């Protein structure tokens, strides 16, 4: 019976921390339309803390040597890393790397002007379904000129807000597109509301500034 309780406690700890990692990685806390996910994340975090504390106390009683203390310290360190990691940047870079082929294919369609775009309504794009994995299913993508600069941008927001919490942005149609940061285009509003992180191949990860809406 004691062994079964120990296994159940360990399983609960692992599963709850996996939910916390998933929620933090997918940036559930950053999106206003993720209310249910945020509640799940909060509950999982509480369960993870309680089960980790119980697991550590049980291990401390069973192993009073240096190995037990090291194991507890390692688990506590991993838990702290889950909480403190800069998940926004981790997500942007790894999502781009994991789906690099789709990002490349989407960029090619944009350069060839083959995306179904409603120019009269502000350049809104109805992306083909094969690209749904890139943008969380939000139909909030635009393909517009960079006025007053040369070139164009494909802006793929990951939420429906007027100033999205995060977005992937692709610059094309100008000789220096691969080197141009959206935040250096001072006549636009990119630098006003977002940070700019280079991903490569003309793509940028752009999280909204932490002091929004109180931006300078």
N, C-alpha and C. Protein backbone atom coordinates (compact mmCIF):
# COMPACT_ATOMS: atom_id res chain seq x y z
N UNK A 1 0.82 -1.21 0.00
CA UNK A 1 0.00 0.00 0.00
C UNK A 1 0.85 1.27 0.00
N UNK A 2 1.93 1.21 0.81
CA UNK A 2 2.81 2.38 0.89
C UNK A 2 3.49 2.63 -0.45
N UNK A 3 3.93 1.54 -1.11
CA UNK A 3 4.57 1.69 -2.41
C UNK A 3 3.61 2.26 -3.44
N UNK A 4 2.36 1.81 -3.41
CA UNK A 4 1.36 2.32 -4.34
C UNK A 4 1.15 3.81 -4.13
N UNK A 5 1.10 4.23 -2.87
CA UNK A 5 0.94 5.66 -2.57
C UNK A 5 2.14 6.45 -3.07
N UNK A 6 3.31 5.87 -2.92
CA UNK A 6 4.52 6.54 -3.39
C UNK A 6 4.50 6.71 -4.90
N UNK A 7 4.10 5.64 -5.62
CA UNK A 7 4.02 5.73 -7.07
C UNK A 7 2.97 6.75 -7.50
N UNK A 8 1.82 6.75 -6.82
CA UNK A 8 0.75 7.69 -7.16
C UNK A 8 1.20 9.12 -6.94
N UNK A 9 1.93 9.36 -5.83
CA UNK A 9 2.43 10.70 -5.54
C UNK A 9 3.43 11.14 -6.62
N UNK A 10 4.34 10.22 -6.98
CA UNK A 10 5.33 10.55 -8.01
C UNK A 10 4.66 10.82 -9.35
N UNK A 11 3.66 10.00 -9.71
CA UNK A 11 2.95 10.19 -10.97
C UNK A 11 2.21 11.51 -10.99
N UNK A 12 1.57 11.84 -9.86
CA UNK A 12 0.85 13.11 -9.77
C UNK A 12 1.80 14.28 -9.95
N UNK A 13 2.96 14.19 -9.31
CA UNK A 13 3.96 15.26 -9.42
C UNK A 13 4.41 15.43 -10.87
N UNK A 14 4.73 14.32 -11.53
CA UNK A 14 5.24 14.39 -12.90
C UNK A 14 4.18 14.94 -13.85
N UNK A 15 2.96 14.42 -13.76
CA UNK A 15 1.89 14.84 -14.67
C UNK A 15 1.55 16.32 -14.46
N UNK A 16 1.46 16.74 -13.21
CA UNK A 16 1.10 18.14 -12.94
C UNK A 16 2.18 19.09 -13.44
N UNK A 17 3.47 18.71 -13.27
CA UNK A 17 4.53 19.58 -13.78
C UNK A 17 4.56 19.58 -15.30
N UNK A 18 4.21 18.45 -15.94
CA UNK A 18 4.13 18.43 -17.40
C UNK A 18 3.05 19.39 -17.90
N UNK A 19 1.92 19.44 -17.19
CA UNK A 19 0.86 20.38 -17.57
C UNK A 19 1.35 21.82 -17.39
N UNK A 20 2.06 22.06 -16.30
CA UNK A 20 2.60 23.41 -16.06
C UNK A 20 3.59 23.79 -17.16
N UNK A 21 4.47 22.88 -17.51
CA UNK A 21 5.45 23.16 -18.58
C UNK A 21 4.74 23.43 -19.90
N UNK A 22 3.74 22.62 -20.23
CA UNK A 22 3.00 22.83 -21.47
C UNK A 22 2.32 24.19 -21.48
N UNK A 23 1.67 24.52 -20.38
CA UNK A 23 0.97 25.80 -20.31
C UNK A 23 1.90 27.00 -20.37
N UNK A 24 3.04 26.88 -19.69
CA UNK A 24 4.01 27.98 -19.74
C UNK A 24 4.63 28.09 -21.13
N UNK A 25 4.92 26.94 -21.75
CA UNK A 25 5.52 26.96 -23.08
C UNK A 25 4.56 27.55 -24.11
N UNK A 26 3.29 27.18 -24.03
CA UNK A 26 2.30 27.69 -24.99
C UNK A 26 1.79 29.07 -24.61
N UNK A 27 2.37 29.67 -23.58
CA UNK A 27 2.12 31.07 -23.20
C UNK A 27 0.66 31.32 -22.83
N UNK A 28 0.03 30.35 -22.14
CA UNK A 28 -1.37 30.52 -21.76
C UNK A 28 -1.61 31.77 -20.92
N UNK A 29 -0.63 32.16 -20.11
CA UNK A 29 -0.82 33.29 -19.23
C UNK A 29 -0.83 34.62 -19.97
N UNK A 30 -0.39 34.64 -21.22
CA UNK A 30 -0.25 35.90 -21.95
C UNK A 30 -1.47 36.27 -22.78
N UNK A 31 -2.43 35.33 -22.93
CA UNK A 31 -3.53 35.58 -23.85
C UNK A 31 -4.85 35.76 -23.09
N UNK A 32 -5.55 36.82 -23.42
CA UNK A 32 -6.82 37.13 -22.74
C UNK A 32 -7.90 36.10 -23.03
N UNK A 33 -7.79 35.38 -24.15
CA UNK A 33 -8.83 34.41 -24.51
C UNK A 33 -8.49 32.99 -24.07
N UNK A 34 -7.54 32.86 -23.16
CA UNK A 34 -7.16 31.54 -22.66
C UNK A 34 -7.60 31.38 -21.19
N UNK A 35 -8.82 31.79 -20.86
CA UNK A 35 -9.28 31.78 -19.48
C UNK A 35 -9.32 30.35 -18.92
N UNK A 36 -9.91 29.43 -19.65
CA UNK A 36 -10.00 28.05 -19.18
C UNK A 36 -8.61 27.46 -19.01
N UNK A 37 -7.74 27.69 -19.99
CA UNK A 37 -6.38 27.17 -19.90
C UNK A 37 -5.64 27.75 -18.71
N UNK A 38 -5.89 29.04 -18.41
CA UNK A 38 -5.23 29.65 -17.26
C UNK A 38 -5.71 29.04 -15.95
N UNK A 39 -6.99 28.70 -15.87
CA UNK A 39 -7.50 28.04 -14.68
C UNK A 39 -6.89 26.65 -14.52
N UNK A 40 -6.79 25.92 -15.64
CA UNK A 40 -6.14 24.60 -15.60
C UNK A 40 -4.69 24.73 -15.17
N UNK A 41 -4.00 25.72 -15.70
CA UNK A 41 -2.60 25.93 -15.35
C UNK A 41 -2.45 26.26 -13.86
N UNK A 42 -3.33 27.12 -13.34
CA UNK A 42 -3.26 27.46 -11.93
C UNK A 42 -3.49 26.26 -11.04
N UNK A 43 -4.48 25.44 -11.38
CA UNK A 43 -4.76 24.24 -10.60
C UNK A 43 -3.59 23.26 -10.67
N UNK A 44 -3.04 23.08 -11.87
CA UNK A 44 -1.91 22.17 -12.04
C UNK A 44 -0.70 22.65 -11.25
N UNK A 45 -0.50 23.96 -11.21
CA UNK A 45 0.64 24.50 -10.48
C UNK A 45 0.51 24.24 -8.98
N UNK A 46 -0.70 24.42 -8.45
CA UNK A 46 -0.92 24.15 -7.03
C UNK A 46 -0.68 22.67 -6.72
N UNK A 47 -1.26 21.79 -7.55
CA UNK A 47 -1.06 20.35 -7.37
C UNK A 47 0.42 19.99 -7.48
N UNK A 48 1.11 20.61 -8.44
CA UNK A 48 2.54 20.33 -8.62
C UNK A 48 3.34 20.71 -7.39
N UNK A 49 3.07 21.88 -6.83
CA UNK A 49 3.79 22.31 -5.63
C UNK A 49 3.52 21.39 -4.45
N UNK A 50 2.25 21.05 -4.23
CA UNK A 50 1.90 20.20 -3.09
C UNK A 50 2.47 18.80 -3.24
N UNK A 51 2.35 18.24 -4.44
CA UNK A 51 2.88 16.88 -4.65
C UNK A 51 4.39 16.86 -4.57
N UNK A 52 5.05 17.92 -5.05
CA UNK A 52 6.51 17.99 -4.96
C UNK A 52 6.96 18.08 -3.50
N UNK A 53 6.24 18.88 -2.72
CA UNK A 53 6.56 18.99 -1.29
C UNK A 53 6.37 17.64 -0.60
N UNK A 54 5.27 16.95 -0.91
CA UNK A 54 5.03 15.63 -0.32
C UNK A 54 6.08 14.62 -0.75
N UNK A 55 6.45 14.65 -2.03
CA UNK A 55 7.48 13.74 -2.53
C UNK A 55 8.82 13.99 -1.85
N UNK A 56 9.18 15.27 -1.69
CA UNK A 56 10.46 15.61 -1.05
C UNK A 56 10.49 15.16 0.41
N UNK A 57 9.39 15.36 1.13
CA UNK A 57 9.33 14.94 2.53
C UNK A 57 9.43 13.42 2.63
N UNK A 58 8.75 12.72 1.73
CA UNK A 58 8.80 11.24 1.76
C UNK A 58 10.22 10.76 1.46
N UNK A 59 10.87 11.36 0.46
CA UNK A 59 12.23 10.96 0.11
C UNK A 59 13.19 11.27 1.24
N UNK A 60 12.97 12.39 1.92
CA UNK A 60 13.84 12.78 3.02
C UNK A 60 13.75 11.77 4.18
N UNK A 61 12.54 11.24 4.41
CA UNK A 61 12.37 10.25 5.48
C UNK A 61 13.01 8.92 5.11
N UNK A 62 12.93 8.57 3.80
CA UNK A 62 13.45 7.27 3.38
C UNK A 62 14.95 7.29 3.14
N UNK A 63 15.48 8.40 2.67
CA UNK A 63 16.91 8.52 2.39
C UNK A 63 17.47 9.71 3.15
N UNK A 64 18.22 9.43 4.16
CA UNK A 64 18.79 10.52 4.95
C UNK A 64 20.26 10.74 4.62
N UNK A 65 20.69 10.25 3.45
CA UNK A 65 22.08 10.44 3.06
C UNK A 65 22.18 11.57 2.03
N UNK A 66 23.37 11.77 1.51
CA UNK A 66 23.63 12.86 0.57
C UNK A 66 22.88 12.67 -0.73
N UNK A 67 22.64 11.41 -1.15
CA UNK A 67 21.92 11.17 -2.40
C UNK A 67 20.48 11.68 -2.32
N UNK A 68 19.86 11.47 -1.19
CA UNK A 68 18.50 11.97 -1.01
C UNK A 68 18.44 13.48 -1.07
N UNK A 69 19.40 14.13 -0.43
CA UNK A 69 19.42 15.61 -0.44
C UNK A 69 19.69 16.14 -1.85
N UNK A 70 20.59 15.45 -2.57
CA UNK A 70 20.88 15.87 -3.95
C UNK A 70 19.66 15.71 -4.84
N UNK A 71 18.93 14.62 -4.65
CA UNK A 71 17.74 14.39 -5.46
C UNK A 71 16.70 15.46 -5.21
N UNK A 72 16.50 15.78 -3.93
CA UNK A 72 15.53 16.84 -3.58
C UNK A 72 15.98 18.17 -4.16
N UNK A 73 17.27 18.47 -4.05
CA UNK A 73 17.78 19.73 -4.59
C UNK A 73 17.63 19.82 -6.10
N UNK A 74 17.87 18.69 -6.79
CA UNK A 74 17.72 18.68 -8.24
C UNK A 74 16.28 18.93 -8.66
N UNK A 75 15.34 18.28 -7.97
CA UNK A 75 13.93 18.47 -8.31
C UNK A 75 13.50 19.90 -8.03
N UNK A 76 13.91 20.45 -6.90
CA UNK A 76 13.56 21.84 -6.58
C UNK A 76 14.15 22.78 -7.63
N UNK A 77 15.39 22.51 -8.07
CA UNK A 77 16.00 23.34 -9.11
C UNK A 77 15.24 23.28 -10.42
N UNK A 78 14.80 22.08 -10.82
CA UNK A 78 14.01 21.94 -12.04
C UNK A 78 12.68 22.68 -11.93
N UNK A 79 12.05 22.61 -10.76
CA UNK A 79 10.79 23.32 -10.55
C UNK A 79 10.99 24.82 -10.66
N UNK A 80 12.09 25.32 -10.09
CA UNK A 80 12.38 26.75 -10.18
C UNK A 80 12.62 27.17 -11.63
N UNK A 81 13.31 26.30 -12.39
CA UNK A 81 13.57 26.60 -13.80
C UNK A 81 12.27 26.69 -14.59
N UNK A 82 11.32 25.80 -14.29
CA UNK A 82 10.02 25.82 -14.98
C UNK A 82 9.33 27.17 -14.75
N UNK A 83 9.44 27.69 -13.55
CA UNK A 83 8.78 28.94 -13.21
C UNK A 83 9.51 30.14 -13.79
N UNK A 84 10.85 30.11 -13.80
CA UNK A 84 11.63 31.30 -14.10
C UNK A 84 12.13 31.40 -15.53
N UNK A 85 12.03 30.32 -16.31
CA UNK A 85 12.51 30.39 -17.69
C UNK A 85 11.79 31.47 -18.49
N UNK A 86 12.50 32.17 -19.40
CA UNK A 86 11.85 33.17 -20.28
C UNK A 86 11.07 32.46 -21.38
N UNK A 87 9.88 31.97 -21.03
CA UNK A 87 9.13 31.09 -21.92
C UNK A 87 8.73 31.76 -23.22
N UNK A 88 8.53 33.07 -23.20
CA UNK A 88 8.11 33.75 -24.43
C UNK A 88 9.15 33.57 -25.53
N UNK A 89 10.40 33.88 -25.20
CA UNK A 89 11.46 33.71 -26.19
C UNK A 89 11.70 32.26 -26.55
N UNK A 90 11.58 31.36 -25.55
CA UNK A 90 11.74 29.94 -25.82
C UNK A 90 10.71 29.47 -26.83
N UNK A 91 9.45 29.89 -26.63
CA UNK A 91 8.40 29.48 -27.57
C UNK A 91 8.67 30.01 -28.97
N UNK A 92 8.92 31.31 -29.09
CA UNK A 92 9.10 31.90 -30.41
C UNK A 92 10.20 31.22 -31.22
N UNK A 93 11.35 30.99 -30.58
CA UNK A 93 12.47 30.39 -31.30
C UNK A 93 12.22 28.92 -31.63
N UNK A 94 11.72 28.16 -30.65
CA UNK A 94 11.54 26.73 -30.90
C UNK A 94 10.37 26.45 -31.84
N UNK A 95 9.28 27.25 -31.75
CA UNK A 95 8.15 27.05 -32.67
C UNK A 95 8.59 27.29 -34.11
N UNK A 96 9.42 28.32 -34.29
CA UNK A 96 9.94 28.59 -35.63
C UNK A 96 10.85 27.45 -36.11
N UNK A 97 11.68 26.93 -35.21
CA UNK A 97 12.59 25.84 -35.58
C UNK A 97 11.82 24.56 -35.89
N UNK A 98 10.83 24.23 -35.06
CA UNK A 98 10.06 23.00 -35.25
C UNK A 98 9.29 23.03 -36.57
N UNK A 99 8.72 24.20 -36.89
CA UNK A 99 7.87 24.32 -38.09
C UNK A 99 8.57 25.12 -39.19
N UNK A 100 9.89 25.03 -39.24
CA UNK A 100 10.64 25.85 -40.19
C UNK A 100 10.19 25.62 -41.62
N UNK A 101 9.89 24.39 -41.98
CA UNK A 101 9.47 24.10 -43.34
C UNK A 101 8.19 24.83 -43.71
N UNK A 102 7.24 24.88 -42.80
CA UNK A 102 5.97 25.58 -43.06
C UNK A 102 6.18 27.08 -43.12
N UNK A 103 7.03 27.61 -42.25
CA UNK A 103 7.32 29.04 -42.32
C UNK A 103 7.98 29.39 -43.65
N UNK A 104 8.88 28.55 -44.11
CA UNK A 104 9.54 28.79 -45.40
C UNK A 104 8.54 28.74 -46.54
N UNK A 105 7.65 27.75 -46.51
CA UNK A 105 6.64 27.64 -47.57
C UNK A 105 5.70 28.83 -47.57
N UNK A 106 5.32 29.29 -46.38
CA UNK A 106 4.44 30.46 -46.28
C UNK A 106 5.13 31.71 -46.82
N UNK A 107 6.41 31.87 -46.50
CA UNK A 107 7.16 33.01 -47.00
C UNK A 107 7.23 32.99 -48.52
N UNK A 108 7.41 31.82 -49.09
CA UNK A 108 7.47 31.71 -50.55
C UNK A 108 6.14 32.10 -51.19
N UNK A 109 5.04 31.67 -50.60
CA UNK A 109 3.72 32.07 -51.12
C UNK A 109 3.54 33.58 -51.05
N UNK A 110 4.02 34.18 -49.96
CA UNK A 110 3.91 35.63 -49.83
C UNK A 110 4.72 36.34 -50.91
N UNK A 111 5.95 35.89 -51.12
CA UNK A 111 6.80 36.53 -52.12
C UNK A 111 6.24 36.37 -53.53
N UNK A 112 5.58 35.27 -53.78
CA UNK A 112 4.99 35.04 -55.10
C UNK A 112 3.59 35.63 -55.20
N UNK A 113 3.14 36.30 -54.14
CA UNK A 113 1.83 36.95 -54.09
C UNK A 113 0.71 35.94 -54.40
N UNK A 114 0.82 34.75 -53.81
CA UNK A 114 -0.17 33.71 -54.04
C UNK A 114 -1.09 33.50 -52.83
N UNK A 115 -0.97 34.34 -51.82
CA UNK A 115 -1.84 34.21 -50.67
C UNK A 115 -3.18 34.89 -50.96
N UNK A 116 -4.28 34.26 -50.58
CA UNK A 116 -5.60 34.89 -50.80
C UNK A 116 -5.78 36.08 -49.87
N UNK A 117 -5.62 37.29 -50.43
CA UNK A 117 -5.61 38.52 -49.63
C UNK A 117 -6.74 39.44 -50.05
N UNK A 118 -7.44 39.98 -49.07
CA UNK A 118 -8.50 40.95 -49.31
C UNK A 118 -7.90 42.35 -49.16
N UNK A 119 -7.42 42.91 -50.26
CA UNK A 119 -6.73 44.20 -50.23
C UNK A 119 -7.65 45.31 -49.76
N UNK A 120 -8.91 45.28 -50.16
CA UNK A 120 -9.84 46.36 -49.83
C UNK A 120 -10.12 46.47 -48.34
N UNK A 121 -9.92 45.38 -47.58
CA UNK A 121 -10.22 45.41 -46.15
C UNK A 121 -8.97 45.46 -45.28
N UNK A 122 -7.86 45.90 -45.86
CA UNK A 122 -6.65 46.06 -45.07
C UNK A 122 -5.65 44.94 -45.20
N UNK A 123 -5.74 44.17 -46.28
CA UNK A 123 -4.75 43.13 -46.52
C UNK A 123 -4.91 41.89 -45.68
N UNK A 124 -6.12 41.60 -45.18
CA UNK A 124 -6.34 40.40 -44.38
C UNK A 124 -6.16 39.16 -45.25
N UNK A 125 -5.49 38.16 -44.69
CA UNK A 125 -5.15 36.95 -45.42
C UNK A 125 -5.91 35.76 -44.84
N UNK A 126 -6.50 34.98 -45.72
CA UNK A 126 -7.13 33.72 -45.33
C UNK A 126 -6.11 32.61 -45.61
N UNK A 127 -5.34 32.27 -44.59
CA UNK A 127 -4.26 31.31 -44.79
C UNK A 127 -4.81 29.92 -45.09
N UNK A 128 -4.14 29.19 -45.97
CA UNK A 128 -4.52 27.79 -46.20
C UNK A 128 -4.45 26.98 -44.91
N UNK A 129 -5.27 25.94 -44.81
CA UNK A 129 -5.39 25.20 -43.55
C UNK A 129 -4.09 24.54 -43.12
N UNK A 130 -3.19 24.26 -44.05
CA UNK A 130 -1.95 23.59 -43.67
C UNK A 130 -1.06 24.48 -42.80
N UNK A 131 -1.38 25.78 -42.72
CA UNK A 131 -0.59 26.68 -41.89
C UNK A 131 -1.26 27.00 -40.55
N UNK A 132 -2.37 26.32 -40.25
CA UNK A 132 -3.08 26.60 -39.00
C UNK A 132 -2.21 26.38 -37.77
N UNK A 133 -1.31 25.41 -37.84
CA UNK A 133 -0.47 25.09 -36.69
C UNK A 133 0.45 26.25 -36.33
N UNK A 134 0.69 27.15 -37.26
CA UNK A 134 1.61 28.26 -37.01
C UNK A 134 0.99 29.38 -36.19
N UNK A 135 -0.33 29.51 -36.25
CA UNK A 135 -0.94 30.72 -35.67
C UNK A 135 -2.10 30.43 -34.73
N UNK A 136 -2.15 29.23 -34.13
CA UNK A 136 -3.14 28.92 -33.09
C UNK A 136 -4.58 28.97 -33.61
N UNK A 137 -4.77 28.97 -34.92
CA UNK A 137 -6.11 29.01 -35.45
C UNK A 137 -6.74 30.39 -35.49
N UNK A 138 -6.00 31.43 -35.10
CA UNK A 138 -6.53 32.79 -35.15
C UNK A 138 -6.44 33.33 -36.57
N UNK A 139 -7.56 33.82 -37.09
CA UNK A 139 -7.58 34.39 -38.44
C UNK A 139 -7.23 35.87 -38.35
N UNK A 140 -5.99 36.14 -38.01
CA UNK A 140 -5.55 37.51 -37.76
C UNK A 140 -4.22 37.73 -38.45
N UNK A 141 -4.19 37.49 -39.76
CA UNK A 141 -2.97 37.62 -40.55
C UNK A 141 -3.16 38.66 -41.63
N UNK A 142 -2.16 39.54 -41.78
CA UNK A 142 -2.22 40.60 -42.79
C UNK A 142 -0.97 40.56 -43.65
N UNK A 143 -1.13 40.94 -44.91
CA UNK A 143 -0.03 41.08 -45.86
C UNK A 143 -0.15 42.49 -46.45
N UNK A 144 0.70 43.42 -45.99
CA UNK A 144 0.52 44.83 -46.32
C UNK A 144 1.86 45.47 -46.67
N UNK A 145 1.83 46.60 -47.39
CA UNK A 145 3.07 47.35 -47.64
C UNK A 145 3.61 47.96 -46.36
N UNK A 146 4.93 48.21 -46.33
CA UNK A 146 5.55 48.87 -45.18
C UNK A 146 5.60 50.37 -45.47
N UNK A 147 4.51 51.05 -45.33
CA UNK A 147 4.49 52.48 -45.63
C UNK A 147 5.20 53.25 -44.52
N UNK A 148 6.04 54.25 -44.88
CA UNK A 148 6.37 54.73 -46.23
C UNK A 148 7.61 54.07 -46.81
N UNK A 149 7.99 52.91 -46.31
CA UNK A 149 9.20 52.23 -46.76
C UNK A 149 8.90 51.28 -47.92
N UNK A 150 9.94 50.89 -48.66
CA UNK A 150 9.74 49.85 -49.68
C UNK A 150 9.56 48.48 -49.03
N UNK A 151 8.96 47.57 -49.75
CA UNK A 151 8.79 46.22 -49.25
C UNK A 151 7.43 45.98 -48.61
N UNK A 152 7.24 44.75 -48.13
CA UNK A 152 5.97 44.35 -47.53
C UNK A 152 6.24 43.53 -46.27
N UNK A 153 5.20 43.39 -45.45
CA UNK A 153 5.29 42.54 -44.26
C UNK A 153 4.09 41.59 -44.22
N UNK A 154 4.36 40.37 -43.83
CA UNK A 154 3.31 39.41 -43.52
C UNK A 154 3.28 39.30 -42.00
N UNK A 155 2.18 39.74 -41.40
CA UNK A 155 2.05 39.76 -39.94
C UNK A 155 1.07 38.67 -39.52
N UNK A 156 1.57 37.70 -38.78
CA UNK A 156 0.74 36.58 -38.34
C UNK A 156 0.60 36.65 -36.82
N UNK A 157 -0.50 37.25 -36.38
CA UNK A 157 -0.75 37.42 -34.95
C UNK A 157 -1.26 36.13 -34.33
N UNK A 158 -0.94 35.92 -33.05
CA UNK A 158 -1.37 34.72 -32.34
C UNK A 158 -2.55 35.01 -31.41
N UNK A 159 -3.17 36.16 -31.58
CA UNK A 159 -4.39 36.48 -30.85
C UNK A 159 -5.18 37.49 -31.68
N UNK A 160 -6.39 37.80 -31.23
CA UNK A 160 -7.28 38.62 -32.05
C UNK A 160 -7.30 40.09 -31.64
N UNK A 161 -6.45 40.49 -30.72
CA UNK A 161 -6.46 41.87 -30.25
C UNK A 161 -5.93 42.84 -31.28
N UNK A 162 -6.28 44.12 -31.09
CA UNK A 162 -5.79 45.15 -32.01
C UNK A 162 -4.27 45.23 -31.97
N UNK A 163 -3.70 45.12 -30.78
CA UNK A 163 -2.25 45.00 -30.61
C UNK A 163 -1.99 43.62 -30.02
N UNK A 164 -1.69 42.63 -30.86
CA UNK A 164 -1.59 41.25 -30.39
C UNK A 164 -0.47 41.05 -29.38
N UNK A 165 -0.69 40.09 -28.47
CA UNK A 165 0.33 39.79 -27.47
C UNK A 165 1.62 39.30 -28.10
N UNK A 166 1.49 38.50 -29.16
CA UNK A 166 2.66 37.97 -29.86
C UNK A 166 2.32 37.81 -31.33
N UNK A 167 3.34 37.95 -32.17
CA UNK A 167 3.12 37.66 -33.59
C UNK A 167 4.43 37.30 -34.26
N UNK A 168 4.30 36.51 -35.32
CA UNK A 168 5.41 36.24 -36.23
C UNK A 168 5.29 37.22 -37.39
N UNK A 169 6.40 37.80 -37.80
CA UNK A 169 6.38 38.80 -38.87
C UNK A 169 7.46 38.47 -39.89
N UNK A 170 7.09 38.57 -41.16
CA UNK A 170 8.02 38.29 -42.26
C UNK A 170 8.14 39.51 -43.14
N UNK A 171 9.37 39.96 -43.36
CA UNK A 171 9.65 41.11 -44.23
C UNK A 171 10.15 40.60 -45.58
N UNK A 172 9.60 41.15 -46.66
CA UNK A 172 10.05 40.73 -47.98
C UNK A 172 9.82 41.87 -48.98
N UNK A 173 10.32 41.68 -50.20
CA UNK A 173 10.09 42.67 -51.24
C UNK A 173 11.04 43.84 -51.21
N UNK A 174 12.19 43.70 -50.56
CA UNK A 174 13.22 44.74 -50.56
C UNK A 174 14.57 44.06 -50.46
N UNK A 175 15.63 44.65 -51.05
CA UNK A 175 16.93 43.96 -51.12
C UNK A 175 17.51 43.59 -49.76
N UNK A 176 17.25 44.43 -48.75
CA UNK A 176 17.82 44.18 -47.42
C UNK A 176 16.81 43.55 -46.47
N UNK A 177 15.82 42.85 -47.03
CA UNK A 177 14.73 42.33 -46.20
C UNK A 177 15.24 41.41 -45.09
N UNK A 178 16.21 40.55 -45.41
CA UNK A 178 16.70 39.58 -44.42
C UNK A 178 17.43 40.25 -43.27
N UNK A 179 17.91 41.49 -43.47
CA UNK A 179 18.68 42.19 -42.44
C UNK A 179 17.89 43.28 -41.74
N UNK A 180 16.72 43.59 -42.22
CA UNK A 180 15.96 44.73 -41.70
C UNK A 180 15.12 44.32 -40.49
N UNK A 181 15.33 45.01 -39.39
CA UNK A 181 14.51 44.78 -38.20
C UNK A 181 13.26 45.63 -38.26
N UNK A 182 12.09 45.06 -37.98
CA UNK A 182 10.87 45.88 -37.96
C UNK A 182 10.98 47.02 -36.97
N UNK A 183 11.71 46.81 -35.89
CA UNK A 183 11.83 47.86 -34.87
C UNK A 183 12.70 49.02 -35.32
N UNK A 184 13.45 48.83 -36.42
CA UNK A 184 14.25 49.94 -36.97
C UNK A 184 13.45 50.77 -37.97
N UNK A 185 12.27 50.33 -38.33
CA UNK A 185 11.42 51.09 -39.26
C UNK A 185 10.64 52.11 -38.44
N UNK A 186 11.29 53.23 -38.17
CA UNK A 186 10.79 54.17 -37.17
C UNK A 186 9.48 54.87 -37.55
N UNK A 187 9.13 54.85 -38.83
CA UNK A 187 7.88 55.47 -39.25
C UNK A 187 6.69 54.54 -39.07
N UNK A 188 6.93 53.31 -38.64
CA UNK A 188 5.85 52.37 -38.35
C UNK A 188 5.62 52.31 -36.85
N UNK A 189 4.66 51.51 -36.42
CA UNK A 189 4.36 51.39 -34.98
C UNK A 189 4.94 50.10 -34.38
N UNK A 190 5.75 49.37 -35.13
CA UNK A 190 6.27 48.11 -34.62
C UNK A 190 7.06 48.33 -33.33
N UNK A 191 7.96 49.30 -33.34
CA UNK A 191 8.81 49.54 -32.17
C UNK A 191 8.02 50.15 -31.01
N UNK A 192 6.87 50.74 -31.30
CA UNK A 192 6.07 51.35 -30.24
C UNK A 192 5.46 50.30 -29.31
N UNK A 193 5.08 49.17 -29.88
CA UNK A 193 4.30 48.20 -29.11
C UNK A 193 4.98 46.84 -28.93
N UNK A 194 5.99 46.53 -29.74
CA UNK A 194 6.56 45.18 -29.70
C UNK A 194 8.08 45.20 -29.59
N UNK A 195 8.60 44.10 -29.04
CA UNK A 195 10.03 43.80 -29.11
C UNK A 195 10.27 43.00 -30.38
N UNK A 196 11.49 43.06 -30.90
CA UNK A 196 11.81 42.37 -32.16
C UNK A 196 12.95 41.38 -31.94
N UNK A 197 12.67 40.09 -32.16
CA UNK A 197 13.68 39.05 -32.02
C UNK A 197 13.87 38.37 -33.37
N UNK A 198 15.09 38.41 -33.90
CA UNK A 198 15.37 37.82 -35.20
C UNK A 198 15.33 36.30 -35.12
N UNK A 199 14.60 35.68 -36.05
CA UNK A 199 14.53 34.23 -36.13
C UNK A 199 15.34 33.68 -37.30
N UNK A 200 15.45 34.46 -38.36
CA UNK A 200 16.18 34.03 -39.55
C UNK A 200 15.28 33.97 -40.77
N UNK A 201 15.89 34.06 -41.93
CA UNK A 201 15.18 33.97 -43.21
C UNK A 201 14.14 35.08 -43.37
N UNK A 202 14.37 36.22 -42.74
CA UNK A 202 13.42 37.33 -42.84
C UNK A 202 12.30 37.29 -41.83
N UNK A 203 12.24 36.26 -40.98
CA UNK A 203 11.19 36.12 -39.98
C UNK A 203 11.62 36.72 -38.65
N UNK A 204 10.62 37.28 -37.94
CA UNK A 204 10.85 37.88 -36.63
C UNK A 204 9.78 37.41 -35.65
N UNK A 205 10.19 37.23 -34.41
CA UNK A 205 9.26 36.97 -33.31
C UNK A 205 9.06 38.28 -32.55
N UNK A 206 7.79 38.68 -32.36
CA UNK A 206 7.52 40.01 -31.84
C UNK A 206 6.53 39.94 -30.67
N UNK A 207 7.04 39.77 -29.45
CA UNK A 207 6.17 39.84 -28.27
C UNK A 207 5.82 41.29 -27.94
N UNK A 208 4.61 41.49 -27.43
CA UNK A 208 4.19 42.83 -27.05
C UNK A 208 5.00 43.30 -25.84
N UNK A 209 5.32 44.57 -25.81
CA UNK A 209 6.12 45.12 -24.70
C UNK A 209 5.38 44.94 -23.38
N UNK A 210 6.17 44.65 -22.34
CA UNK A 210 5.60 44.33 -21.04
C UNK A 210 4.86 45.51 -20.41
N UNK A 211 5.22 46.75 -20.81
CA UNK A 211 4.55 47.92 -20.22
C UNK A 211 3.34 48.39 -21.04
N UNK A 212 2.92 47.59 -22.01
CA UNK A 212 1.71 47.94 -22.76
C UNK A 212 0.51 47.94 -21.82
N UNK A 213 -0.44 48.90 -21.89
CA UNK A 213 -0.55 49.96 -22.92
C UNK A 213 0.19 51.25 -22.56
N UNK A 214 0.95 51.25 -21.48
CA UNK A 214 1.65 52.47 -21.05
C UNK A 214 3.00 52.57 -21.73
N UNK A 215 2.99 52.54 -23.07
CA UNK A 215 4.26 52.63 -23.83
C UNK A 215 4.53 54.09 -24.14
N UNK A 216 5.83 54.36 -24.32
CA UNK A 216 6.24 55.75 -24.64
C UNK A 216 5.94 56.07 -26.09
